[in-house]
Amino acid sequence: MNIETKNIDSVTIMKLCETNRLYALNASFAKDKMNEVLTQPQSRLVVDFEDINFIDSSGFGALISALKTSKEHQSKIKLCNINKDVMELIELMQLDSIFEILQDPTACVNSFSAE
């Protein structure tokens, strides 16, 4: 797995590449990369799930860890481009109430600007 990052208006956009899964084999790597950004005070991270169509408990654990890190460092994390099947799992686990989820990276960047 590879993680592509780019910065737009002081927002880091992170996209998981070369895989369509966030699961036990790559969740630790993804968590480390998210936390690397989020440990910087006041950082803003968008995680783009465009190519992801499966997340297991390890993947959800990585997201929750990133959320915890963001709160500890006064940073923010938003998710986008989540497909229907993954969104159903997120809703089932009620994670849609703790993560801000938007349509695409542009909407996320714009929402940070509006804050």
PDB file of N, CA and C in Angstrom:
ATOM      1  N   MET A   1       0.843  -1.175   0.000  1.00  0.00           N
ATOM      2  CA  MET A   1       0.000   0.000   0.000  1.00  0.00           C
ATOM      3  C   MET A   1       0.887   1.237   0.000  1.00  0.00           C
ATOM      4  N   ASN A   2       0.399   2.230  -0.675  1.00  0.00           N
ATOM      5  CA  ASN A   2       1.079   3.514  -0.728  1.00  0.00           C
ATOM      6  C   ASN A   2       0.077   4.572  -0.275  1.00  0.00           C
ATOM      7  N   ILE A   3       0.570   5.631   0.311  1.00  0.00           N
ATOM      8  CA  ILE A   3      -0.295   6.731   0.720  1.00  0.00           C
ATOM      9  C   ILE A   3       0.167   7.981   0.002  1.00  0.00           C
ATOM     10  N   GLU A   4      -0.734   8.557  -0.748  1.00  0.00           N
ATOM     11  CA  GLU A   4      -0.472   9.776  -1.495  1.00  0.00           C
ATOM     12  C   GLU A   4      -0.920  10.950  -0.635  1.00  0.00           C
ATOM     13  N   THR A   5      -0.083  11.956  -0.494  1.00  0.00           N
ATOM     14  CA  THR A   5      -0.490  13.143   0.264  1.00  0.00           C
ATOM     15  C   THR A   5      -0.241  14.387  -0.578  1.00  0.00           C
ATOM     16  N   LYS A   6      -1.116  15.355  -0.371  1.00  0.00           N
ATOM     17  CA  LYS A   6      -0.922  16.666  -0.972  1.00  0.00           C
ATOM     18  C   LYS A   6      -1.504  17.696  -0.022  1.00  0.00           C
ATOM     19  N   ASN A   7      -1.026  18.912  -0.148  1.00  0.00           N
ATOM     20  CA  ASN A   7      -1.486  20.006   0.705  1.00  0.00           C
ATOM     21  C   ASN A   7      -2.201  21.048  -0.126  1.00  0.00           C
ATOM     22  N   ILE A   8      -3.377  21.425   0.348  1.00  0.00           N
ATOM     23  CA  ILE A   8      -4.160  22.490  -0.277  1.00  0.00           C
ATOM     24  C   ILE A   8      -4.628  23.411   0.835  1.00  0.00           C
ATOM     25  N   ASP A   9      -4.257  24.673   0.759  1.00  0.00           N
ATOM     26  CA  ASP A   9      -4.680  25.668   1.762  1.00  0.00           C
ATOM     27  C   ASP A   9      -4.409  25.200   3.191  1.00  0.00           C
ATOM     28  N   SER A  10      -3.221  24.688   3.435  1.00  0.00           N
ATOM     29  CA  SER A  10      -2.801  24.211   4.766  1.00  0.00           C
ATOM     30  C   SER A  10      -3.600  23.016   5.262  1.00  0.00           C
ATOM     31  N   VAL A  11      -4.222  22.297   4.348  1.00  0.00           N
ATOM     32  CA  VAL A  11      -4.937  21.065   4.683  1.00  0.00           C
ATOM     33  C   VAL A  11      -4.202  19.920   3.997  1.00  0.00           C
ATOM     34  N   THR A  12      -3.901  18.867   4.756  1.00  0.00           N
ATOM     35  CA  THR A  12      -3.257  17.691   4.180  1.00  0.00           C
ATOM     36  C   THR A  12      -4.346  16.729   3.718  1.00  0.00           C
ATOM     37  N   ILE A  13      -4.272  16.329   2.460  1.00  0.00           N
ATOM     38  CA  ILE A  13      -5.204  15.345   1.913  1.00  0.00           C
ATOM     39  C   ILE A  13      -4.425  14.058   1.721  1.00  0.00           C
ATOM     40  N   MET A  14      -4.928  13.007   2.343  1.00  0.00           N
ATOM     41  CA  MET A  14      -4.256  11.713   2.334  1.00  0.00           C
ATOM     42  C   MET A  14      -5.158  10.701   1.629  1.00  0.00           C
ATOM     43  N   LYS A  15      -4.588  10.021   0.640  1.00  0.00           N
ATOM     44  CA  LYS A  15      -5.360   9.030  -0.114  1.00  0.00           C
ATOM     45  C   LYS A  15      -4.620   7.708  -0.105  1.00  0.00           C
ATOM     46  N   LEU A  16      -5.337   6.651   0.244  1.00  0.00           N
ATOM     47  CA  LEU A  16      -4.764   5.312   0.242  1.00  0.00           C
ATOM     48  C   LEU A  16      -4.735   4.806  -1.191  1.00  0.00           C
ATOM     49  N   CYS A  17      -3.570   4.381  -1.657  1.00  0.00           N
ATOM     50  CA  CYS A  17      -3.403   3.954  -3.040  1.00  0.00           C
ATOM     51  C   CYS A  17      -2.937   2.503  -3.101  1.00  0.00           C
ATOM     52  N   GLU A  18      -3.077   1.923  -4.273  1.00  0.00           N
ATOM     53  CA  GLU A  18      -2.607   0.569  -4.552  1.00  0.00           C
ATOM     54  C   GLU A  18      -3.353  -0.495  -3.757  1.00  0.00           C
ATOM     55  N   THR A  19      -4.500  -0.137  -3.206  1.00  0.00           N
ATOM     56  CA  THR A  19      -5.323  -1.110  -2.496  1.00  0.00           C
ATOM     57  C   THR A  19      -6.752  -0.603  -2.475  1.00  0.00           C
ATOM     58  N   ASN A  20      -7.687  -1.507  -2.285  1.00  0.00           N
ATOM     59  CA  ASN A  20      -9.084  -1.104  -2.120  1.00  0.00           C
ATOM     60  C   ASN A  20      -9.583  -1.483  -0.726  1.00  0.00           C
ATOM     61  N   ARG A  21      -8.632  -1.774   0.173  1.00  0.00           N
ATOM     62  CA  ARG A  21      -8.988  -2.211   1.520  1.00  0.00           C
ATOM     63  C   ARG A  21      -8.175  -1.473   2.577  1.00  0.00           C
ATOM     64  N   LEU A  22      -8.835  -1.154   3.678  1.00  0.00           N
ATOM     65  CA  LEU A  22      -8.149  -0.692   4.885  1.00  0.00           C
ATOM     66  C   LEU A  22      -8.407  -1.789   5.906  1.00  0.00           C
ATOM     67  N   TYR A  23      -7.395  -2.624   6.119  1.00  0.00           N
ATOM     68  CA  TYR A  23      -7.602  -3.828   6.927  1.00  0.00           C
ATOM     69  C   TYR A  23      -6.313  -4.196   7.652  1.00  0.00           C
ATOM     70  N   ALA A  24      -6.333  -5.366   8.286  1.00  0.00           N
ATOM     71  CA  ALA A  24      -5.252  -5.782   9.184  1.00  0.00           C
ATOM     72  C   ALA A  24      -3.849  -5.638   8.568  1.00  0.00           C
ATOM     73  N   LEU A  25      -3.716  -5.878   7.278  1.00  0.00           N
ATOM     74  CA  LEU A  25      -2.389  -5.848   6.665  1.00  0.00           C
ATOM     75  C   LEU A  25      -1.832  -4.441   6.449  1.00  0.00           C
ATOM     76  N   ASN A  26      -2.711  -3.419   6.437  1.00  0.00           N
ATOM     77  CA  ASN A  26      -2.188  -2.073   6.176  1.00  0.00           C
ATOM     78  C   ASN A  26      -2.682  -1.015   7.172  1.00  0.00           C
ATOM     79  N   ALA A  27      -3.524  -1.392   8.106  1.00  0.00           N
ATOM     80  CA  ALA A  27      -4.113  -0.416   9.036  1.00  0.00           C
ATOM     81  C   ALA A  27      -3.053   0.256   9.910  1.00  0.00           C
ATOM     82  N   SER A  28      -2.069  -0.484  10.356  1.00  0.00           N
ATOM     83  CA  SER A  28      -1.028   0.089  11.207  1.00  0.00           C
ATOM     84  C   SER A  28      -0.235   1.157  10.450  1.00  0.00           C
ATOM     85  N   PHE A  29       0.090   0.872   9.210  1.00  0.00           N
ATOM     86  CA  PHE A  29       0.810   1.830   8.369  1.00  0.00           C
ATOM     87  C   PHE A  29      -0.034   3.090   8.165  1.00  0.00           C
ATOM     88  N   ALA A  30      -1.314   2.907   7.853  1.00  0.00           N
ATOM     89  CA  ALA A  30      -2.215   4.051   7.652  1.00  0.00           C
ATOM     90  C   ALA A  30      -2.346   4.857   8.937  1.00  0.00           C
ATOM     91  N   LYS A  31      -2.490   4.165  10.061  1.00  0.00           N
ATOM     92  CA  LYS A  31      -2.604   4.857  11.354  1.00  0.00           C
ATOM     93  C   LYS A  31      -1.364   5.700  11.627  1.00  0.00           C
ATOM     94  N   ASP A  32      -0.190   5.127  11.401  1.00  0.00           N
ATOM     95  CA  ASP A  32       1.057   5.866  11.630  1.00  0.00           C
ATOM     96  C   ASP A  32       1.126   7.114  10.762  1.00  0.00           C
ATOM     97  N   LYS A  33       0.723   6.994   9.499  1.00  0.00           N
ATOM     98  CA  LYS A  33       0.773   8.144   8.587  1.00  0.00           C
ATOM     99  C   LYS A  33      -0.235   9.215   8.993  1.00  0.00           C
ATOM    100  N   MET A  34      -1.438   8.813   9.403  1.00  0.00           N
ATOM    101  CA  MET A  34      -2.428   9.792   9.860  1.00  0.00           C
ATOM    102  C   MET A  34      -1.940  10.484  11.123  1.00  0.00           C
ATOM    103  N   ASN A  35      -1.427   9.701  12.066  1.00  0.00           N
ATOM    104  CA  ASN A  35      -0.963  10.275  13.331  1.00  0.00           C
ATOM    105  C   ASN A  35       0.248  11.180  13.141  1.00  0.00           C
ATOM    106  N   GLU A  36       1.067  10.878  12.154  1.00  0.00           N
ATOM    107  CA  GLU A  36       2.219  11.727  11.840  1.00  0.00           C
ATOM    108  C   GLU A  36       1.754  13.153  11.509  1.00  0.00           C
ATOM    109  N   VAL A  37       0.665  13.265  10.775  1.00  0.00           N
ATOM    110  CA  VAL A  37       0.103  14.586  10.449  1.00  0.00           C
ATOM    111  C   VAL A  37      -0.589  15.180  11.664  1.00  0.00           C
ATOM    112  N   LEU A  38      -1.393  14.377  12.332  1.00  0.00           N
ATOM    113  CA  LEU A  38      -2.266  14.890  13.394  1.00  0.00           C
ATOM    114  C   LEU A  38      -1.535  15.261  14.686  1.00  0.00           C
ATOM    115  N   THR A  39      -0.309  14.802  14.864  1.00  0.00           N
ATOM    116  CA  THR A  39       0.439  15.191  16.068  1.00  0.00           C
ATOM    117  C   THR A  39       0.974  16.613  15.961  1.00  0.00           C
ATOM    118  N   GLN A  40       0.914  17.185  14.771  1.00  0.00           N
ATOM    119  CA  GLN A  40       1.297  18.582  14.598  1.00  0.00           C
ATOM    120  C   GLN A  40       0.122  19.438  15.068  1.00  0.00           C
ATOM    121  N   PRO A  41       0.317  20.277  16.106  1.00  0.00           N
ATOM    122  CA  PRO A  41      -0.800  21.069  16.643  1.00  0.00           C
ATOM    123  C   PRO A  41      -1.512  21.876  15.559  1.00  0.00           C
ATOM    124  N   GLN A  42      -2.815  21.916  15.648  1.00  0.00           N
ATOM    125  CA  GLN A  42      -3.668  22.671  14.735  1.00  0.00           C
ATOM    126  C   GLN A  42      -3.662  22.137  13.297  1.00  0.00           C
ATOM    127  N   SER A  43      -3.171  20.926  13.083  1.00  0.00           N
ATOM    128  CA  SER A  43      -3.156  20.391  11.720  1.00  0.00           C
ATOM    129  C   SER A  43      -4.566  20.002  11.292  1.00  0.00           C
ATOM    130  N   ARG A  44      -4.741  19.935   9.993  1.00  0.00           N
ATOM    131  CA  ARG A  44      -6.034  19.585   9.415  1.00  0.00           C
ATOM    132  C   ARG A  44      -5.798  18.499   8.375  1.00  0.00           C
ATOM    133  N   LEU A  45      -6.490  17.368   8.553  1.00  0.00           N
ATOM    134  CA  LEU A  45      -6.290  16.203   7.693  1.00  0.00           C
ATOM    135  C   LEU A  45      -7.605  15.771   7.073  1.00  0.00           C
ATOM    136  N   VAL A  46      -7.551  15.488   5.778  1.00  0.00           N
ATOM    137  CA  VAL A  46      -8.666  14.882   5.058  1.00  0.00           C
ATOM    138  C   VAL A  46      -8.199  13.504   4.616  1.00  0.00           C
ATOM    139  N   VAL A  47      -8.973  12.475   4.944  1.00  0.00           N
ATOM    140  CA  VAL A  47      -8.663  11.126   4.484  1.00  0.00           C
ATOM    141  C   VAL A  47      -9.647  10.792   3.366  1.00  0.00           C
ATOM    142  N   ASP A  48      -9.101  10.590   2.176  1.00  0.00           N
ATOM    143  CA  ASP A  48      -9.892  10.341   0.966  1.00  0.00           C
ATOM    144  C   ASP A  48     -10.003   8.829   0.756  1.00  0.00           C
ATOM    145  N   PHE A  49     -11.224   8.322   0.819  1.00  0.00           N
ATOM    146  CA  PHE A  49     -11.485   6.884   0.700  1.00  0.00           C
ATOM    147  C   PHE A  49     -11.950   6.495  -0.702  1.00  0.00           C
ATOM    148  N   GLU A  50     -11.595   7.289  -1.700  1.00  0.00           N
ATOM    149  CA  GLU A  50     -12.115   7.074  -3.055  1.00  0.00           C
ATOM    150  C   GLU A  50     -11.987   5.632  -3.541  1.00  0.00           C
ATOM    151  N   ASP A  51     -10.857   5.005  -3.325  1.00  0.00           N
ATOM    152  CA  ASP A  51     -10.640   3.652  -3.845  1.00  0.00           C
ATOM    153  C   ASP A  51     -10.926   2.548  -2.838  1.00  0.00           C
ATOM    154  N   ILE A  52     -11.342   2.907  -1.634  1.00  0.00           N
ATOM    155  CA  ILE A  52     -11.538   1.914  -0.573  1.00  0.00           C
ATOM    156  C   ILE A  52     -12.970   1.386  -0.602  1.00  0.00           C
ATOM    157  N   ASN A  53     -13.104   0.063  -0.685  1.00  0.00           N
ATOM    158  CA  ASN A  53     -14.443  -0.531  -0.651  1.00  0.00           C
ATOM    159  C   ASN A  53     -14.609  -1.556   0.462  1.00  0.00           C
ATOM    160  N   PHE A  54     -13.606  -1.644   1.347  1.00  0.00           N
ATOM    161  CA  PHE A  54     -13.692  -2.562   2.478  1.00  0.00           C
ATOM    162  C   PHE A  54     -12.851  -2.037   3.638  1.00  0.00           C
ATOM    163  N   ILE A  55     -13.428  -2.055   4.830  1.00  0.00           N
ATOM    164  CA  ILE A  55     -12.689  -1.715   6.052  1.00  0.00           C
ATOM    165  C   ILE A  55     -13.038  -2.767   7.095  1.00  0.00           C
ATOM    166  N   ASP A  56     -12.017  -3.321   7.750  1.00  0.00           N
ATOM    167  CA  ASP A  56     -12.274  -4.270   8.838  1.00  0.00           C
ATOM    168  C   ASP A  56     -12.037  -3.581  10.184  1.00  0.00           C
ATOM    169  N   SER A  57     -12.099  -4.347  11.253  1.00  0.00           N
ATOM    170  CA  SER A  57     -11.966  -3.770  12.597  1.00  0.00           C
ATOM    171  C   SER A  57     -10.614  -3.088  12.799  1.00  0.00           C
ATOM    172  N   SER A  58      -9.564  -3.604  12.186  1.00  0.00           N
ATOM    173  CA  SER A  58      -8.251  -2.956  12.295  1.00  0.00           C
ATOM    174  C   SER A  58      -8.266  -1.597  11.613  1.00  0.00           C
ATOM    175  N   GLY A  59      -8.935  -1.516  10.488  1.00  0.00           N
ATOM    176  CA  GLY A  59      -9.058  -0.239   9.785  1.00  0.00           C
ATOM    177  C   GLY A  59      -9.847   0.770  10.597  1.00  0.00           C
ATOM    178  N   PHE A  60     -10.954   0.313  11.203  1.00  0.00           N
ATOM    179  CA  PHE A  60     -11.730   1.216  12.047  1.00  0.00           C
ATOM    180  C   PHE A  60     -10.922   1.632  13.276  1.00  0.00           C
ATOM    181  N   GLY A  61     -10.132   0.709  13.803  1.00  0.00           N
ATOM    182  CA  GLY A  61      -9.267   1.037  14.934  1.00  0.00           C
ATOM    183  C   GLY A  61      -8.263   2.121  14.573  1.00  0.00           C
ATOM    184  N   ALA A  62      -7.723   2.063  13.356  1.00  0.00           N
ATOM    185  CA  ALA A  62      -6.776   3.088  12.896  1.00  0.00           C
ATOM    186  C   ALA A  62      -7.462   4.451  12.818  1.00  0.00           C
ATOM    187  N   LEU A  63      -8.700   4.471  12.343  1.00  0.00           N
ATOM    188  CA  LEU A  63      -9.440   5.737  12.253  1.00  0.00           C
ATOM    189  C   LEU A  63      -9.738   6.307  13.636  1.00  0.00           C
ATOM    190  N   ILE A  64     -10.134   5.441  14.556  1.00  0.00           N
ATOM    191  CA  ILE A  64     -10.443   5.907  15.921  1.00  0.00           C
ATOM    192  C   ILE A  64      -9.170   6.412  16.602  1.00  0.00           C
ATOM    193  N   SER A  65      -8.056   5.730  16.381  1.00  0.00           N
ATOM    194  CA  SER A  65      -6.779   6.188  16.929  1.00  0.00           C
ATOM    195  C   SER A  65      -6.428   7.571  16.376  1.00  0.00           C
ATOM    196  N   ALA A  66      -6.639   7.768  15.086  1.00  0.00           N
ATOM    197  CA  ALA A  66      -6.354   9.062  14.470  1.00  0.00           C
ATOM    198  C   ALA A  66      -7.259  10.145  15.051  1.00  0.00           C
ATOM    199  N   LEU A  67      -8.515   9.821  15.279  1.00  0.00           N
ATOM    200  CA  LEU A  67      -9.442  10.789  15.882  1.00  0.00           C
ATOM    201  C   LEU A  67      -8.977  11.164  17.281  1.00  0.00           C
ATOM    202  N   LYS A  68      -8.554  10.165  18.053  1.00  0.00           N
ATOM    203  CA  LYS A  68      -8.058  10.420  19.409  1.00  0.00           C
ATOM    204  C   LYS A  68      -6.810  11.316  19.358  1.00  0.00           C
ATOM    205  N   THR A  69      -5.898  11.008  18.459  1.00  0.00           N
ATOM    206  CA  THR A  69      -4.695  11.823  18.298  1.00  0.00           C
ATOM    207  C   THR A  69      -5.056  13.255  17.932  1.00  0.00           C
ATOM    208  N   SER A  70      -6.043  13.408  17.050  1.00  0.00           N
ATOM    209  CA  SER A  70      -6.439  14.764  16.636  1.00  0.00           C
ATOM    210  C   SER A  70      -6.962  15.563  17.823  1.00  0.00           C
ATOM    211  N   LYS A  71      -7.727  14.943  18.677  1.00  0.00           N
ATOM    212  CA  LYS A  71      -8.267  15.640  19.843  1.00  0.00           C
ATOM    213  C   LYS A  71      -7.154  16.001  20.835  1.00  0.00           C
ATOM    214  N   GLU A  72      -6.183  15.121  20.991  1.00  0.00           N
ATOM    215  CA  GLU A  72      -5.078  15.370  21.915  1.00  0.00           C
ATOM    216  C   GLU A  72      -4.186  16.523  21.450  1.00  0.00           C
ATOM    217  N   HIS A  73      -4.151  16.793  20.154  1.00  0.00           N
ATOM    218  CA  HIS A  73      -3.248  17.808  19.602  1.00  0.00           C
ATOM    219  C   HIS A  73      -3.998  18.985  18.976  1.00  0.00           C
ATOM    220  N   GLN A  74      -5.277  19.127  19.311  1.00  0.00           N
ATOM    221  CA  GLN A  74      -6.094  20.214  18.769  1.00  0.00           C
ATOM    222  C   GLN A  74      -6.031  20.267  17.243  1.00  0.00           C
ATOM    223  N   SER A  75      -6.013  19.093  16.647  1.00  0.00           N
ATOM    224  CA  SER A  75      -6.025  18.960  15.195  1.00  0.00           C
ATOM    225  C   SER A  75      -7.422  18.520  14.764  1.00  0.00           C
ATOM    226  N   LYS A  76      -7.623  18.459  13.459  1.00  0.00           N
ATOM    227  CA  LYS A  76      -8.932  18.048  12.949  1.00  0.00           C
ATOM    228  C   LYS A  76      -8.750  17.031  11.841  1.00  0.00           C
ATOM    229  N   ILE A  77      -9.704  16.082  11.777  1.00  0.00           N
ATOM    230  CA  ILE A  77      -9.707  15.064  10.735  1.00  0.00           C
ATOM    231  C   ILE A  77     -11.105  14.985  10.139  1.00  0.00           C
ATOM    232  N   LYS A  78     -11.149  14.873   8.821  1.00  0.00           N
ATOM    233  CA  LYS A  78     -12.414  14.695   8.106  1.00  0.00           C
ATOM    234  C   LYS A  78     -12.234  13.575   7.094  1.00  0.00           C
ATOM    235  N   LEU A  79     -13.324  12.906   6.769  1.00  0.00           N
ATOM    236  CA  LEU A  79     -13.311  11.794   5.822  1.00  0.00           C
ATOM    237  C   LEU A  79     -14.140  12.165   4.605  1.00  0.00           C
ATOM    238  N   CYS A  80     -13.772  11.599   3.452  1.00  0.00           N
ATOM    239  CA  CYS A  80     -14.561  11.871   2.247  1.00  0.00           C
ATOM    240  C   CYS A  80     -14.481  10.710   1.261  1.00  0.00           C
ATOM    241  N   ASN A  81     -15.334  10.807   0.231  1.00  0.00           N
ATOM    242  CA  ASN A  81     -15.387   9.816  -0.856  1.00  0.00           C
ATOM    243  C   ASN A  81     -15.627   8.397  -0.340  1.00  0.00           C
ATOM    244  N   ILE A  82     -16.524   8.262   0.596  1.00  0.00           N
ATOM    245  CA  ILE A  82     -16.792   6.936   1.175  1.00  0.00           C
ATOM    246  C   ILE A  82     -17.890   6.256   0.371  1.00  0.00           C
ATOM    247  N   ASN A  83     -17.609   5.049  -0.090  1.00  0.00           N
ATOM    248  CA  ASN A  83     -18.601   4.357  -0.912  1.00  0.00           C
ATOM    249  C   ASN A  83     -19.754   3.819  -0.054  1.00  0.00           C
ATOM    250  N   LYS A  84     -20.801   3.401  -0.712  1.00  0.00           N
ATOM    251  CA  LYS A  84     -22.039   2.996  -0.053  1.00  0.00           C
ATOM    252  C   LYS A  84     -21.831   1.868   0.962  1.00  0.00           C
ATOM    253  N   ASP A  85     -21.108   0.826   0.581  1.00  0.00           N
ATOM    254  CA  ASP A  85     -20.920  -0.324   1.479  1.00  0.00           C
ATOM    255  C   ASP A  85     -20.141   0.055   2.737  1.00  0.00           C
ATOM    256  N   VAL A  86     -19.083   0.834   2.563  1.00  0.00           N
ATOM    257  CA  VAL A  86     -18.283   1.260   3.710  1.00  0.00           C
ATOM    258  C   VAL A  86     -19.102   2.216   4.579  1.00  0.00           C
ATOM    259  N   MET A  87     -19.881   3.092   3.941  1.00  0.00           N
ATOM    260  CA  MET A  87     -20.707   4.031   4.705  1.00  0.00           C
ATOM    261  C   MET A  87     -21.741   3.289   5.548  1.00  0.00           C
ATOM    262  N   GLU A  88     -22.286   2.212   5.025  1.00  0.00           N
ATOM    263  CA  GLU A  88     -23.238   1.412   5.806  1.00  0.00           C
ATOM    264  C   GLU A  88     -22.586   0.878   7.081  1.00  0.00           C
ATOM    265  N   LEU A  89     -21.343   0.430   6.985  1.00  0.00           N
ATOM    266  CA  LEU A  89     -20.621  -0.041   8.172  1.00  0.00           C
ATOM    267  C   LEU A  89     -20.359   1.099   9.149  1.00  0.00           C
ATOM    268  N   ILE A  90     -19.964   2.236   8.620  1.00  0.00           N
ATOM    269  CA  ILE A  90     -19.701   3.403   9.465  1.00  0.00           C
ATOM    270  C   ILE A  90     -20.971   3.792  10.219  1.00  0.00           C
ATOM    271  N   GLU A  91     -22.098   3.796   9.520  1.00  0.00           N
ATOM    272  CA  GLU A  91     -23.372   4.136  10.151  1.00  0.00           C
ATOM    273  C   GLU A  91     -23.790   3.072  11.165  1.00  0.00           C
ATOM    274  N   LEU A  92     -23.587   1.809  10.834  1.00  0.00           N
ATOM    275  CA  LEU A  92     -23.920   0.717  11.746  1.00  0.00           C
ATOM    276  C   LEU A  92     -23.152   0.853  13.058  1.00  0.00           C
ATOM    277  N   MET A  93     -21.899   1.259  12.957  1.00  0.00           N
ATOM    278  CA  MET A  93     -21.056   1.433  14.137  1.00  0.00           C
ATOM    279  C   MET A  93     -21.235   2.822  14.769  1.00  0.00           C
ATOM    280  N   GLN A  94     -22.097   3.634  14.162  1.00  0.00           N
ATOM    281  CA  GLN A  94     -22.402   4.990  14.621  1.00  0.00           C
ATOM    282  C   GLN A  94     -21.176   5.905  14.614  1.00  0.00           C
ATOM    283  N   LEU A  95     -20.228   5.613  13.747  1.00  0.00           N
ATOM    284  CA  LEU A  95     -19.043   6.457  13.630  1.00  0.00           C
ATOM    285  C   LEU A  95     -19.337   7.726  12.842  1.00  0.00           C
ATOM    286  N   ASP A  96     -20.464   7.747  12.137  1.00  0.00           N
ATOM    287  CA  ASP A  96     -20.840   8.965  11.417  1.00  0.00           C
ATOM    288  C   ASP A  96     -21.209  10.092  12.380  1.00  0.00           C
ATOM    289  N   SER A  97     -21.416   9.748  13.643  1.00  0.00           N
ATOM    290  CA  SER A  97     -21.729  10.788  14.633  1.00  0.00           C
ATOM    291  C   SER A  97     -20.460  11.397  15.249  1.00  0.00           C
ATOM    292  N   ILE A  98     -19.304  10.758  15.042  1.00  0.00           N
ATOM    293  CA  ILE A  98     -18.070  11.302  15.621  1.00  0.00           C
ATOM    294  C   ILE A  98     -17.075  11.795  14.571  1.00  0.00           C
ATOM    295  N   PHE A  99     -17.250  11.356  13.328  1.00  0.00           N
ATOM    296  CA  PHE A  99     -16.407  11.828  12.236  1.00  0.00           C
ATOM    297  C   PHE A  99     -17.215  12.763  11.356  1.00  0.00           C
ATOM    298  N   GLU A 100     -16.573  13.815  10.886  1.00  0.00           N
ATOM    299  CA  GLU A 100     -17.215  14.651   9.880  1.00  0.00           C
ATOM    300  C   GLU A 100     -16.918  14.018   8.528  1.00  0.00           C
ATOM    301  N   ILE A 101     -17.985  13.690   7.809  1.00  0.00           N
ATOM    302  CA  ILE A 101     -17.861  12.989   6.535  1.00  0.00           C
ATOM    303  C   ILE A 101     -18.495  13.856   5.450  1.00  0.00           C
ATOM    304  N   LEU A 102     -17.692  14.176   4.441  1.00  0.00           N
ATOM    305  CA  LEU A 102     -18.164  15.015   3.345  1.00  0.00           C
ATOM    306  C   LEU A 102     -17.982  14.282   2.022  1.00  0.00           C
ATOM    307  N   GLN A 103     -18.512  14.894   0.965  1.00  0.00           N
ATOM    308  CA  GLN A 103     -18.550  14.241  -0.334  1.00  0.00           C
ATOM    309  C   GLN A 103     -17.172  14.032  -0.954  1.00  0.00           C
ATOM    310  N   ASP A 104     -16.338  15.068  -0.927  1.00  0.00           N
ATOM    311  CA  ASP A 104     -15.057  14.973  -1.623  1.00  0.00           C
ATOM    312  C   ASP A 104     -14.021  15.884  -0.956  1.00  0.00           C
ATOM    313  N   PRO A 105     -12.756  15.787  -1.373  1.00  0.00           N
ATOM    314  CA  PRO A 105     -11.709  16.605  -0.747  1.00  0.00           C
ATOM    315  C   PRO A 105     -11.975  18.106  -0.837  1.00  0.00           C
ATOM    316  N   THR A 106     -12.519  18.559  -1.945  1.00  0.00           N
ATOM    317  CA  THR A 106     -12.800  19.993  -2.098  1.00  0.00           C
ATOM    318  C   THR A 106     -13.795  20.459  -1.053  1.00  0.00           C
ATOM    319  N   ALA A 107     -14.834  19.682  -0.828  1.00  0.00           N
ATOM    320  CA  ALA A 107     -15.833  20.039   0.196  1.00  0.00           C
ATOM    321  C   ALA A 107     -15.174  20.086   1.580  1.00  0.00           C
ATOM    322  N   CYS A 108     -14.259  19.165   1.845  1.00  0.00           N
ATOM    323  CA  CYS A 108     -13.565  19.155   3.143  1.00  0.00           C
ATOM    324  C   CYS A 108     -12.695  20.396   3.302  1.00  0.00           C
ATOM    325  N   VAL A 109     -11.907  20.712   2.282  1.00  0.00           N
ATOM    326  CA  VAL A 109     -11.039  21.889   2.351  1.00  0.00           C
ATOM    327  C   VAL A 109     -11.887  23.145   2.547  1.00  0.00           C
ATOM    328  N   ASN A 110     -12.984  23.249   1.811  1.00  0.00           N
ATOM    329  CA  ASN A 110     -13.866  24.402   1.936  1.00  0.00           C
ATOM    330  C   ASN A 110     -14.485  24.477   3.330  1.00  0.00           C
ATOM    331  N   SER A 111     -14.815  23.327   3.904  1.00  0.00           N
ATOM    332  CA  SER A 111     -15.412  23.332   5.243  1.00  0.00           C
ATOM    333  C   SER A 111     -14.398  23.770   6.293  1.00  0.00           C
ATOM    334  N   PHE A 112     -13.128  23.447   6.100  1.00  0.00           N
ATOM    335  CA  PHE A 112     -12.098  23.942   7.029  1.00  0.00           C
ATOM    336  C   PHE A 112     -11.995  25.454   6.908  1.00  0.00           C
ATOM    337  N   SER A 113     -12.086  25.968   5.698  1.00  0.00           N
ATOM    338  CA  SER A 113     -11.991  27.415   5.494  1.00  0.00           C
ATOM    339  C   SER A 113     -13.153  28.149   6.141  1.00  0.00           C
ATOM    340  N   ALA A 114     -14.292  27.485   6.229  1.00  0.00           N
ATOM    341  CA  ALA A 114     -15.497  28.115   6.805  1.00  0.00           C
ATOM    342  C   ALA A 114     -15.482  28.114   8.324  1.00  0.00           C
ATOM    343  N   GLU A 115     -14.569  27.368   8.925  1.00  0.00           N
ATOM    344  CA  GLU A 115     -14.544  27.258  10.399  1.00  0.00           C
ATOM    345  C   GLU A 115     -13.930  28.489  11.033  1.00  0.00           C
TER     346      GLU A 115
END
